PDB file of N, CA and C in Angstrom:
ATOM      1  N   MET A   1     154.356 123.558  71.779  1.00  0.00           N
ATOM      2  CA  MET A   1     154.503 122.168  71.393  1.00  0.00           C
ATOM      3  C   MET A   1     153.384 121.786  70.439  1.00  0.00           C
ATOM      4  N   CYS A   2     153.727 121.066  69.413  1.00  0.00           N
ATOM      5  CA  CYS A   2     152.736 120.678  68.415  1.00  0.00           C
ATOM      6  C   CYS A   2     151.742 119.648  68.937  1.00  0.00           C
ATOM      7  N   LEU A   3     152.124 118.837  69.918  1.00  0.00           N
ATOM      8  CA  LEU A   3     151.246 117.763  70.371  1.00  0.00           C
ATOM      9  C   LEU A   3     149.881 118.283  70.806  1.00  0.00           C
ATOM     10  N   GLY A   4     149.832 119.380  71.538  1.00  0.00           N
ATOM     11  CA  GLY A   4     148.548 119.949  71.956  1.00  0.00           C
ATOM     12  C   GLY A   4     147.693 120.346  70.772  1.00  0.00           C
ATOM     13  N   PHE A   5     148.336 120.812  69.701  1.00  0.00           N
ATOM     14  CA  PHE A   5     147.603 121.187  68.500  1.00  0.00           C
ATOM     15  C   PHE A   5     147.132 119.951  67.742  1.00  0.00           C
ATOM     16  N   VAL A   6     147.888 118.864  67.813  1.00  0.00           N
ATOM     17  CA  VAL A   6     147.460 117.604  67.205  1.00  0.00           C
ATOM     18  C   VAL A   6     146.222 117.094  67.932  1.00  0.00           C
ATOM     19  N   VAL A   7     146.281 117.056  69.244  1.00  0.00           N
ATOM     20  CA  VAL A   7     145.181 116.548  70.056  1.00  0.00           C
ATOM     21  C   VAL A   7     143.918 117.404  69.890  1.00  0.00           C
ATOM     22  N   ASN A   8     144.094 118.713  69.748  1.00  0.00           N
ATOM     23  CA  ASN A   8     142.961 119.630  69.660  1.00  0.00           C
ATOM     24  C   ASN A   8     142.640 120.090  68.242  1.00  0.00           C
ATOM     25  N   ALA A   9     143.233 119.464  67.240  1.00  0.00           N
ATOM     26  CA  ALA A   9     143.047 119.912  65.859  1.00  0.00           C
ATOM     27  C   ALA A   9     141.582 119.967  65.454  1.00  0.00           C
ATOM     28  N   ASP A  10     140.809 118.953  65.778  1.00  0.00           N
ATOM     29  CA  ASP A  10     139.394 118.946  65.393  1.00  0.00           C
ATOM     30  C   ASP A  10     138.639 120.114  66.008  1.00  0.00           C
ATOM     31  N   LYS A  11     138.915 120.407  67.277  1.00  0.00           N
ATOM     32  CA  LYS A  11     138.246 121.532  67.953  1.00  0.00           C
ATOM     33  C   LYS A  11     138.644 122.866  67.331  1.00  0.00           C
ATOM     34  N   ILE A  12     139.923 123.005  67.009  1.00  0.00           N
ATOM     35  CA  ILE A  12     140.416 124.255  66.420  1.00  0.00           C
ATOM     36  C   ILE A  12     139.829 124.447  65.025  1.00  0.00           C
ATOM     37  N   LEU A  13     139.873 123.409  64.211  1.00  0.00           N
ATOM     38  CA  LEU A  13     139.340 123.502  62.855  1.00  0.00           C
ATOM     39  C   LEU A  13     137.830 123.736  62.864  1.00  0.00           C
ATOM     40  N   ALA A  14     137.136 123.185  63.860  1.00  0.00           N
ATOM     41  CA  ALA A  14     135.690 123.384  63.979  1.00  0.00           C
ATOM     42  C   ALA A  14     135.324 124.842  64.250  1.00  0.00           C
ATOM     43  N   LYS A  15     136.278 125.628  64.712  1.00  0.00           N
ATOM     44  CA  LYS A  15     136.044 127.052  64.970  1.00  0.00           C
ATOM     45  C   LYS A  15     136.193 127.885  63.692  1.00  0.00           C
ATOM     46  N   GLY A  16     136.387 127.217  62.549  1.00  0.00           N
ATOM     47  CA  GLY A  16     136.504 127.928  61.283  1.00  0.00           C
ATOM     48  C   GLY A  16     137.930 128.215  60.851  1.00  0.00           C
ATOM     49  N   VAL A  17     138.883 127.631  61.529  1.00  0.00           N
ATOM     50  CA  VAL A  17     140.292 127.823  61.181  1.00  0.00           C
ATOM     51  C   VAL A  17     140.590 127.068  59.884  1.00  0.00           C
ATOM     52  N   ASP A  18     141.274 127.724  58.951  1.00  0.00           N
ATOM     53  CA  ASP A  18     141.611 127.114  57.669  1.00  0.00           C
ATOM     54  C   ASP A  18     142.799 126.168  57.765  1.00  0.00           C
ATOM     55  N   ALA A  19     143.786 126.504  58.585  1.00  0.00           N
ATOM     56  CA  ALA A  19     144.994 125.681  58.685  1.00  0.00           C
ATOM     57  C   ALA A  19     145.664 125.898  60.038  1.00  0.00           C
ATOM     58  N   ILE A  20     146.228 124.825  60.550  1.00  0.00           N
ATOM     59  CA  ILE A  20     147.071 124.881  61.745  1.00  0.00           C
ATOM     60  C   ILE A  20     148.493 124.639  61.254  1.00  0.00           C
ATOM     61  N   VAL A  21     149.353 125.614  61.451  1.00  0.00           N
ATOM     62  CA  VAL A  21     150.716 125.533  60.937  1.00  0.00           C
ATOM     63  C   VAL A  21     151.690 125.467  62.100  1.00  0.00           C
ATOM     64  N   CYS A  22     152.537 124.471  62.078  1.00  0.00           N
ATOM     65  CA  CYS A  22     153.624 124.348  63.051  1.00  0.00           C
ATOM     66  C   CYS A  22     154.897 124.743  62.320  1.00  0.00           C
ATOM     67  N   LEU A  23     155.483 125.861  62.713  1.00  0.00           N
ATOM     68  CA  LEU A  23     156.665 126.397  62.037  1.00  0.00           C
ATOM     69  C   LEU A  23     157.862 126.315  62.976  1.00  0.00           C
ATOM     70  N   SER A  24     158.997 125.899  62.434  1.00  0.00           N
ATOM     71  CA  SER A  24     160.210 125.794  63.236  1.00  0.00           C
ATOM     72  C   SER A  24     161.419 126.153  62.386  1.00  0.00           C
ATOM     73  N   VAL A  25     162.469 126.625  63.040  1.00  0.00           N
ATOM     74  CA  VAL A  25     163.727 126.907  62.354  1.00  0.00           C
ATOM     75  C   VAL A  25     164.458 125.570  62.196  1.00  0.00           C
ATOM     76  N   ASN A  26     163.966 124.809  61.247  1.00  0.00           N
ATOM     77  CA  ASN A  26     164.530 123.513  60.864  1.00  0.00           C
ATOM     78  C   ASN A  26     164.346 123.368  59.361  1.00  0.00           C
ATOM     79  N   ASP A  27     164.916 122.315  58.794  1.00  0.00           N
ATOM     80  CA  ASP A  27     164.711 122.090  57.365  1.00  0.00           C
ATOM     81  C   ASP A  27     163.441 121.273  57.136  1.00  0.00           C
ATOM     82  N   ALA A  28     163.029 121.199  55.884  1.00  0.00           N
ATOM     83  CA  ALA A  28     161.785 120.519  55.525  1.00  0.00           C
ATOM     84  C   ALA A  28     161.814 119.030  55.885  1.00  0.00           C
ATOM     85  N   PHE A  29     162.991 118.412  55.825  1.00  0.00           N
ATOM     86  CA  PHE A  29     163.099 116.993  56.129  1.00  0.00           C
ATOM     87  C   PHE A  29     162.870 116.729  57.621  1.00  0.00           C
ATOM     88  N   VAL A  30     163.423 117.585  58.459  1.00  0.00           N
ATOM     89  CA  VAL A  30     163.211 117.473  59.904  1.00  0.00           C
ATOM     90  C   VAL A  30     161.742 117.704  60.233  1.00  0.00           C
ATOM     91  N   MET A  31     161.151 118.721  59.621  1.00  0.00           N
ATOM     92  CA  MET A  31     159.742 119.025  59.893  1.00  0.00           C
ATOM     93  C   MET A  31     158.835 117.874  59.465  1.00  0.00           C
ATOM     94  N   SER A  32     159.130 117.266  58.326  1.00  0.00           N
ATOM     95  CA  SER A  32     158.344 116.127  57.855  1.00  0.00           C
ATOM     96  C   SER A  32     158.452 114.952  58.827  1.00  0.00           C
ATOM     97  N   ALA A  33     159.670 114.630  59.239  1.00  0.00           N
ATOM     98  CA  ALA A  33     159.879 113.520  60.175  1.00  0.00           C
ATOM     99  C   ALA A  33     159.212 113.808  61.521  1.00  0.00           C
ATOM    100  N   TRP A  34     159.309 115.063  61.981  1.00  0.00           N
ATOM    101  CA  TRP A  34     158.686 115.441  63.246  1.00  0.00           C
ATOM    102  C   TRP A  34     157.167 115.298  63.144  1.00  0.00           C
ATOM    103  N   GLY A  35     156.596 115.751  62.043  1.00  0.00           N
ATOM    104  CA  GLY A  35     155.155 115.631  61.847  1.00  0.00           C
ATOM    105  C   GLY A  35     154.708 114.180  61.862  1.00  0.00           C
ATOM    106  N   LYS A  36     155.464 113.315  61.193  1.00  0.00           N
ATOM    107  CA  LYS A  36     155.113 111.891  61.169  1.00  0.00           C
ATOM    108  C   LYS A  36     155.208 111.281  62.561  1.00  0.00           C
ATOM    109  N   SER A  37     156.246 111.642  63.309  1.00  0.00           N
ATOM    110  CA  SER A  37     156.432 111.073  64.648  1.00  0.00           C
ATOM    111  C   SER A  37     155.360 111.547  65.626  1.00  0.00           C
ATOM    112  N   GLN A  38     154.738 112.691  65.332  1.00  0.00           N
ATOM    113  CA  GLN A  38     153.709 113.254  66.217  1.00  0.00           C
ATOM    114  C   GLN A  38     152.288 112.992  65.705  1.00  0.00           C
ATOM    115  N   ASN A  39     152.172 112.207  64.622  1.00  0.00           N
ATOM    116  CA  ASN A  39     150.866 111.951  64.006  1.00  0.00           C
ATOM    117  C   ASN A  39     150.138 113.251  63.695  1.00  0.00           C
ATOM    118  N   ALA A  40     150.867 114.177  63.107  1.00  0.00           N
ATOM    119  CA  ALA A  40     150.354 115.539  62.890  1.00  0.00           C
ATOM    120  C   ALA A  40     149.784 115.717  61.482  1.00  0.00           C
ATOM    121  N   GLU A  41     149.013 114.739  61.011  1.00  0.00           N
ATOM    122  CA  GLU A  41     148.456 114.820  59.667  1.00  0.00           C
ATOM    123  C   GLU A  41     147.580 116.052  59.470  1.00  0.00           C
ATOM    124  N   ALA A  42     146.938 116.529  60.521  1.00  0.00           N
ATOM    125  CA  ALA A  42     146.035 117.681  60.419  1.00  0.00           C
ATOM    126  C   ALA A  42     146.788 119.014  60.409  1.00  0.00           C
ATOM    127  N   LEU A  43     148.085 118.982  60.665  1.00  0.00           N
ATOM    128  CA  LEU A  43     148.882 120.208  60.730  1.00  0.00           C
ATOM    129  C   LEU A  43     149.756 120.360  59.500  1.00  0.00           C
ATOM    130  N   VAL A  44     150.048 121.589  59.151  1.00  0.00           N
ATOM    131  CA  VAL A  44     151.048 121.891  58.131  1.00  0.00           C
ATOM    132  C   VAL A  44     152.360 122.070  58.879  1.00  0.00           C
ATOM    133  N   MET A  45     153.337 121.222  58.580  1.00  0.00           N
ATOM    134  CA  MET A  45     154.637 121.294  59.236  1.00  0.00           C
ATOM    135  C   MET A  45     155.541 122.134  58.343  1.00  0.00           C
ATOM    136  N   ALA A  46     155.768 123.382  58.726  1.00  0.00           N
ATOM    137  CA  ALA A  46     156.477 124.352  57.878  1.00  0.00           C
ATOM    138  C   ALA A  46     157.904 124.577  58.360  1.00  0.00           C
ATOM    139  N   ALA A  47     158.819 124.594  57.401  1.00  0.00           N
ATOM    140  CA  ALA A  47     160.234 124.815  57.693  1.00  0.00           C
ATOM    141  C   ALA A  47     160.600 126.275  57.464  1.00  0.00           C
ATOM    142  N   ASP A  48     161.263 126.865  58.448  1.00  0.00           N
ATOM    143  CA  ASP A  48     161.841 128.204  58.326  1.00  0.00           C
ATOM    144  C   ASP A  48     163.350 128.023  58.459  1.00  0.00           C
ATOM    145  N   GLY A  49     163.905 127.273  57.522  1.00  0.00           N
ATOM    146  CA  GLY A  49     165.299 126.819  57.596  1.00  0.00           C
ATOM    147  C   GLY A  49     166.319 127.906  57.873  1.00  0.00           C
ATOM    148  N   ASN A  50     166.193 129.046  57.236  1.00  0.00           N
ATOM    149  CA  ASN A  50     167.123 130.144  57.453  1.00  0.00           C
ATOM    150  C   ASN A  50     166.656 131.108  58.536  1.00  0.00           C
ATOM    151  N   GLY A  51     165.498 130.864  59.088  1.00  0.00           N
ATOM    152  CA  GLY A  51     164.977 131.738  60.133  1.00  0.00           C
ATOM    153  C   GLY A  51     164.511 133.093  59.632  1.00  0.00           C
ATOM    154  N   GLU A  52     164.259 133.209  58.348  1.00  0.00           N
ATOM    155  CA  GLU A  52     163.869 134.504  57.784  1.00  0.00           C
ATOM    156  C   GLU A  52     162.516 134.983  58.306  1.00  0.00           C
ATOM    157  N   PHE A  53     161.522 134.082  58.351  1.00  0.00           N
ATOM    158  CA  PHE A  53     160.214 134.459  58.878  1.00  0.00           C
ATOM    159  C   PHE A  53     160.334 134.811  60.354  1.00  0.00           C
ATOM    160  N   THR A  54     161.048 133.966  61.084  1.00  0.00           N
ATOM    161  CA  THR A  54     161.229 134.175  62.524  1.00  0.00           C
ATOM    162  C   THR A  54     161.898 135.519  62.800  1.00  0.00           C
ATOM    163  N   THR A  55     162.921 135.849  62.032  1.00  0.00           N
ATOM    164  CA  THR A  55     163.612 137.130  62.193  1.00  0.00           C
ATOM    165  C   THR A  55     162.676 138.287  61.871  1.00  0.00           C
ATOM    166  N   ALA A  56     161.917 138.160  60.777  1.00  0.00           N
ATOM    167  CA  ALA A  56     160.978 139.224  60.397  1.00  0.00           C
ATOM    168  C   ALA A  56     159.923 139.448  61.471  1.00  0.00           C
ATOM    169  N   MET A  57     159.561 138.396  62.186  1.00  0.00           N
ATOM    170  CA  MET A  57     158.577 138.498  63.273  1.00  0.00           C
ATOM    171  C   MET A  57     159.191 139.063  64.554  1.00  0.00           C
ATOM    172  N   GLY A  58     160.517 139.137  64.606  1.00  0.00           N
ATOM    173  CA  GLY A  58     161.176 139.612  65.821  1.00  0.00           C
ATOM    174  C   GLY A  58     161.153 138.589  66.942  1.00  0.00           C
ATOM    175  N   LEU A  59     161.098 137.312  66.572  1.00  0.00           N
ATOM    176  CA  LEU A  59     160.972 136.252  67.571  1.00  0.00           C
ATOM    177  C   LEU A  59     162.157 135.293  67.581  1.00  0.00           C
ATOM    178  N   THR A  60     163.330 135.822  67.219  1.00  0.00           N
ATOM    179  CA  THR A  60     164.536 135.007  67.215  1.00  0.00           C
ATOM    180  C   THR A  60     165.050 134.806  68.637  1.00  0.00           C
ATOM    181  N   LEU A  61     165.513 133.610  68.896  1.00  0.00           N
ATOM    182  CA  LEU A  61     166.101 133.243  70.182  1.00  0.00           C
ATOM    183  C   LEU A  61     167.539 132.825  69.918  1.00  0.00           C
ATOM    184  N   ASP A  62     168.482 133.418  70.603  1.00  0.00           N
ATOM    185  CA  ASP A  62     169.890 133.055  70.429  1.00  0.00           C
ATOM    186  C   ASP A  62     170.240 131.927  71.386  1.00  0.00           C
ATOM    187  N   GLY A  63     170.323 130.728  70.831  1.00  0.00           N
ATOM    188  CA  GLY A  63     170.679 129.557  71.630  1.00  0.00           C
ATOM    189  C   GLY A  63     172.128 129.154  71.439  1.00  0.00           C
ATOM    190  N   SER A  64     172.953 130.088  70.949  1.00  0.00           N
ATOM    191  CA  SER A  64     174.360 129.788  70.678  1.00  0.00           C
ATOM    192  C   SER A  64     175.097 129.282  71.910  1.00  0.00           C
ATOM    193  N   GLY A  65     174.746 129.786  73.056  1.00  0.00           N
ATOM    194  CA  GLY A  65     175.392 129.366  74.298  1.00  0.00           C
ATOM    195  C   GLY A  65     175.129 127.912  74.640  1.00  0.00           C
ATOM    196  N   PHE A  66     174.123 127.323  74.001  1.00  0.00           N
ATOM    197  CA  PHE A  66     173.775 125.922  74.233  1.00  0.00           C
ATOM    198  C   PHE A  66     174.065 125.064  73.008  1.00  0.00           C
ATOM    199  N   GLY A  67     174.784 125.657  72.020  1.00  0.00           N
ATOM    200  CA  GLY A  67     175.101 124.927  70.805  1.00  0.00           C
ATOM    201  C   GLY A  67     173.945 124.802  69.837  1.00  0.00           C
ATOM    202  N   LEU A  68     172.937 125.649  69.994  1.00  0.00           N
ATOM    203  CA  LEU A  68     171.749 125.547  69.155  1.00  0.00           C
ATOM    204  C   LEU A  68     171.674 126.596  68.056  1.00  0.00           C
ATOM    205  N   GLY A  69     172.537 127.578  68.083  1.00  0.00           N
ATOM    206  CA  GLY A  69     172.463 128.642  67.083  1.00  0.00           C
ATOM    207  C   GLY A  69     171.232 129.508  67.289  1.00  0.00           C
ATOM    208  N   HIS A  70     170.799 130.138  66.221  1.00  0.00           N
ATOM    209  CA  HIS A  70     169.617 130.989  66.303  1.00  0.00           C
ATOM    210  C   HIS A  70     168.379 130.150  66.032  1.00  0.00           C
ATOM    211  N   ARG A  71     167.433 130.227  66.906  1.00  0.00           N
ATOM    212  CA  ARG A  71     166.207 129.440  66.849  1.00  0.00           C
ATOM    213  C   ARG A  71     165.017 130.395  66.893  1.00  0.00           C
ATOM    214  N   SER A  72     163.857 129.847  67.050  1.00  0.00           N
ATOM    215  CA  SER A  72     162.635 130.631  67.191  1.00  0.00           C
ATOM    216  C   SER A  72     162.165 130.556  68.634  1.00  0.00           C
ATOM    217  N   SER A  73     161.724 131.677  69.150  1.00  0.00           N
ATOM    218  CA  SER A  73     161.041 131.662  70.435  1.00  0.00           C
ATOM    219  C   SER A  73     159.747 130.880  70.262  1.00  0.00           C
ATOM    220  N   ARG A  74     159.205 130.394  71.344  1.00  0.00           N
ATOM    221  CA  ARG A  74     157.936 129.676  71.279  1.00  0.00           C
ATOM    222  C   ARG A  74     156.801 130.702  71.247  1.00  0.00           C
ATOM    223  N   TYR A  75     155.907 130.525  70.300  1.00  0.00           N
ATOM    224  CA  TYR A  75     154.749 131.418  70.189  1.00  0.00           C
ATOM    225  C   TYR A  75     153.628 130.718  69.436  1.00  0.00           C
ATOM    226  N   ALA A  76     152.454 131.271  69.545  1.00  0.00           N
ATOM    227  CA  ALA A  76     151.307 130.847  68.742  1.00  0.00           C
ATOM    228  C   ALA A  76     150.600 132.112  68.297  1.00  0.00           C
ATOM    229  N   LEU A  77     150.095 132.080  67.085  1.00  0.00           N
ATOM    230  CA  LEU A  77     149.387 133.259  66.601  1.00  0.00           C
ATOM    231  C   LEU A  77     148.130 132.864  65.858  1.00  0.00           C
ATOM    232  N   ILE A  78     147.238 133.812  65.770  1.00  0.00           N
ATOM    233  CA  ILE A  78     146.028 133.682  64.962  1.00  0.00           C
ATOM    234  C   ILE A  78     146.108 134.782  63.919  1.00  0.00           C
ATOM    235  N   ALA A  79     145.934 134.395  62.659  1.00  0.00           N
ATOM    236  CA  ALA A  79     145.921 135.369  61.571  1.00  0.00           C
ATOM    237  C   ALA A  79     144.581 135.269  60.853  1.00  0.00           C
ATOM    238  N   GLU A  80     144.035 136.410  60.553  1.00  0.00           N
ATOM    239  CA  GLU A  80     142.779 136.469  59.801  1.00  0.00           C
ATOM    240  C   GLU A  80     142.991 137.362  58.594  1.00  0.00           C
ATOM    241  N   ASP A  81     142.722 136.815  57.423  1.00  0.00           N
ATOM    242  CA  ASP A  81     142.894 137.552  56.173  1.00  0.00           C
ATOM    243  C   ASP A  81     144.295 138.157  56.066  1.00  0.00           C
ATOM    244  N   GLY A  82     145.305 137.392  56.470  1.00  0.00           N
ATOM    245  CA  GLY A  82     146.685 137.832  56.351  1.00  0.00           C
ATOM    246  C   GLY A  82     147.158 138.795  57.425  1.00  0.00           C
ATOM    247  N   LYS A  83     146.316 139.098  58.407  1.00  0.00           N
ATOM    248  CA  LYS A  83     146.701 139.994  59.503  1.00  0.00           C
ATOM    249  C   LYS A  83     146.725 139.216  60.816  1.00  0.00           C
ATOM    250  N   ILE A  84     147.773 139.448  61.579  1.00  0.00           N
ATOM    251  CA  ILE A  84     147.872 138.804  62.882  1.00  0.00           C
ATOM    252  C   ILE A  84     146.905 139.497  63.838  1.00  0.00           C
ATOM    253  N   THR A  85     145.968 138.720  64.383  1.00  0.00           N
ATOM    254  CA  THR A  85     145.002 139.272  65.329  1.00  0.00           C
ATOM    255  C   THR A  85     145.333 138.900  66.769  1.00  0.00           C
ATOM    256  N   THR A  86     146.084 137.818  66.941  1.00  0.00           N
ATOM    257  CA  THR A  86     146.520 137.380  68.269  1.00  0.00           C
ATOM    258  C   THR A  86     147.943 136.859  68.147  1.00  0.00           C
ATOM    259  N   LEU A  87     148.820 137.320  69.023  1.00  0.00           N
ATOM    260  CA  LEU A  87     150.192 136.813  69.074  1.00  0.00           C
ATOM    261  C   LEU A  87     150.510 136.527  70.533  1.00  0.00           C
ATOM    262  N   ASN A  88     150.641 135.254  70.849  1.00  0.00           N
ATOM    263  CA  ASN A  88     150.966 134.814  72.210  1.00  0.00           C
ATOM    264  C   ASN A  88     152.409 134.322  72.216  1.00  0.00           C
ATOM    265  N   ALA A  89     153.324 135.190  72.605  1.00  0.00           N
ATOM    266  CA  ALA A  89     154.750 134.860  72.629  1.00  0.00           C
ATOM    267  C   ALA A  89     155.190 134.544  74.053  1.00  0.00           C
ATOM    268  N   GLU A  90     155.876 133.428  74.193  1.00  0.00           N
ATOM    269  CA  GLU A  90     156.385 133.011  75.501  1.00  0.00           C
ATOM    270  C   GLU A  90     157.601 133.845  75.880  1.00  0.00           C
ATOM    271  N   GLN A  91     157.820 133.962  77.169  1.00  0.00           N
ATOM    272  CA  GLN A  91     158.966 134.689  77.708  1.00  0.00           C
ATOM    273  C   GLN A  91     159.827 133.727  78.526  1.00  0.00           C
ATOM    274  N   GLY A  92     161.135 133.800  78.316  1.00  0.00           N
ATOM    275  CA  GLY A  92     162.072 133.074  79.172  1.00  0.00           C
ATOM    276  C   GLY A  92     161.918 131.574  79.207  1.00  0.00           C
ATOM    277  N   GLY A  93     161.554 130.942  78.084  1.00  0.00           N
ATOM    278  CA  GLY A  93     161.457 129.488  78.044  1.00  0.00           C
ATOM    279  C   GLY A  93     160.193 128.920  78.655  1.00  0.00           C
ATOM    280  N   ALA A  94     159.255 129.776  79.018  1.00  0.00           N
ATOM    281  CA  ALA A  94     158.000 129.308  79.620  1.00  0.00           C
ATOM    282  C   ALA A  94     157.120 128.642  78.564  1.00  0.00           C
ATOM    283  N   PHE A  95     156.114 127.938  79.020  1.00  0.00           N
ATOM    284  CA  PHE A  95     155.091 127.368  78.144  1.00  0.00           C
ATOM    285  C   PHE A  95     153.753 127.636  78.813  1.00  0.00           C
ATOM    286  N   GLU A  96     153.314 128.886  78.706  1.00  0.00           N
ATOM    287  CA  GLU A  96     152.108 129.314  79.405  1.00  0.00           C
ATOM    288  C   GLU A  96     151.053 129.909  78.482  1.00  0.00           C
ATOM    289  N   VAL A  97     151.459 130.653  77.453  1.00  0.00           N
ATOM    290  CA  VAL A  97     150.480 131.390  76.642  1.00  0.00           C
ATOM    291  C   VAL A  97     150.342 130.880  75.211  1.00  0.00           C
ATOM    292  N   SER A  98     151.213 129.977  74.788  1.00  0.00           N
ATOM    293  CA  SER A  98     151.194 129.547  73.388  1.00  0.00           C
ATOM    294  C   SER A  98     150.592 128.159  73.175  1.00  0.00           C
ATOM    295  N   SER A  99     149.923 127.644  74.166  1.00  0.00           N
ATOM    296  CA  SER A  99     149.356 126.296  74.056  1.00  0.00           C
ATOM    297  C   SER A  99     148.118 126.283  73.163  1.00  0.00           C
ATOM    298  N   ALA A 100     147.768 125.111  72.704  1.00  0.00           N
ATOM    299  CA  ALA A 100     146.564 124.944  71.901  1.00  0.00           C
ATOM    300  C   ALA A 100     145.329 125.375  72.694  1.00  0.00           C
ATOM    301  N   GLU A 101     145.335 125.095  73.977  1.00  0.00           N
ATOM    302  CA  GLU A 101     144.198 125.477  74.819  1.00  0.00           C
ATOM    303  C   GLU A 101     144.030 126.991  74.877  1.00  0.00           C
ATOM    304  N   LYS A 102     145.149 127.727  74.957  1.00  0.00           N
ATOM    305  CA  LYS A 102     145.087 129.194  74.976  1.00  0.00           C
ATOM    306  C   LYS A 102     144.592 129.729  73.628  1.00  0.00           C
ATOM    307  N   ILE A 103     144.993 129.086  72.547  1.00  0.00           N
ATOM    308  CA  ILE A 103     144.528 129.513  71.229  1.00  0.00           C
ATOM    309  C   ILE A 103     143.036 129.220  71.095  1.00  0.00           C
ATOM    310  N   LEU A 104     142.602 128.086  71.589  1.00  0.00           N
ATOM    311  CA  LEU A 104     141.157 127.781  71.559  1.00  0.00           C
ATOM    312  C   LEU A 104     140.356 128.844  72.309  1.00  0.00           C
ATOM    313  N   GLU A 105     140.871 129.279  73.441  1.00  0.00           N
ATOM    314  CA  GLU A 105     140.201 130.349  74.212  1.00  0.00           C
ATOM    315  C   GLU A 105     140.109 131.632  73.418  1.00  0.00           C
ATOM    316  N   ALA A 106     141.132 131.917  72.610  1.00  0.00           N
ATOM    317  CA  ALA A 106     141.187 133.170  71.860  1.00  0.00           C
ATOM    318  C   ALA A 106     140.336 133.157  70.585  1.00  0.00           C
ATOM    319  N   LEU A 107     139.989 131.968  70.120  1.00  0.00           N
ATOM    320  CA  LEU A 107     139.216 131.881  68.871  1.00  0.00           C
ATOM    321  C   LEU A 107     137.755 132.243  69.085  1.00  0.00           C
TER     322      LEU A 107
END
């Protein structure tokens, strides 16, 4: 959830992070509206409209049974110099390892 990253943005950025990116399999208009509704000025709200990045990461979730189509699994990652150094991917709809607090611990 982006809200934890909004609340903790100052702490995360203070650790030397260049950008906090919230990426979703949505279009740019949805991401912009979502960012505004969450007061996420400190975050980059990125659209993966076709799910190409999500598919390349191997983190696609098939929500077709719920009328959602192909979506992204919930995850958080840390990248340094273009390399992923930490990837916290949730399993089975949980919200345990991808929180802002878990990322702060990993930084």
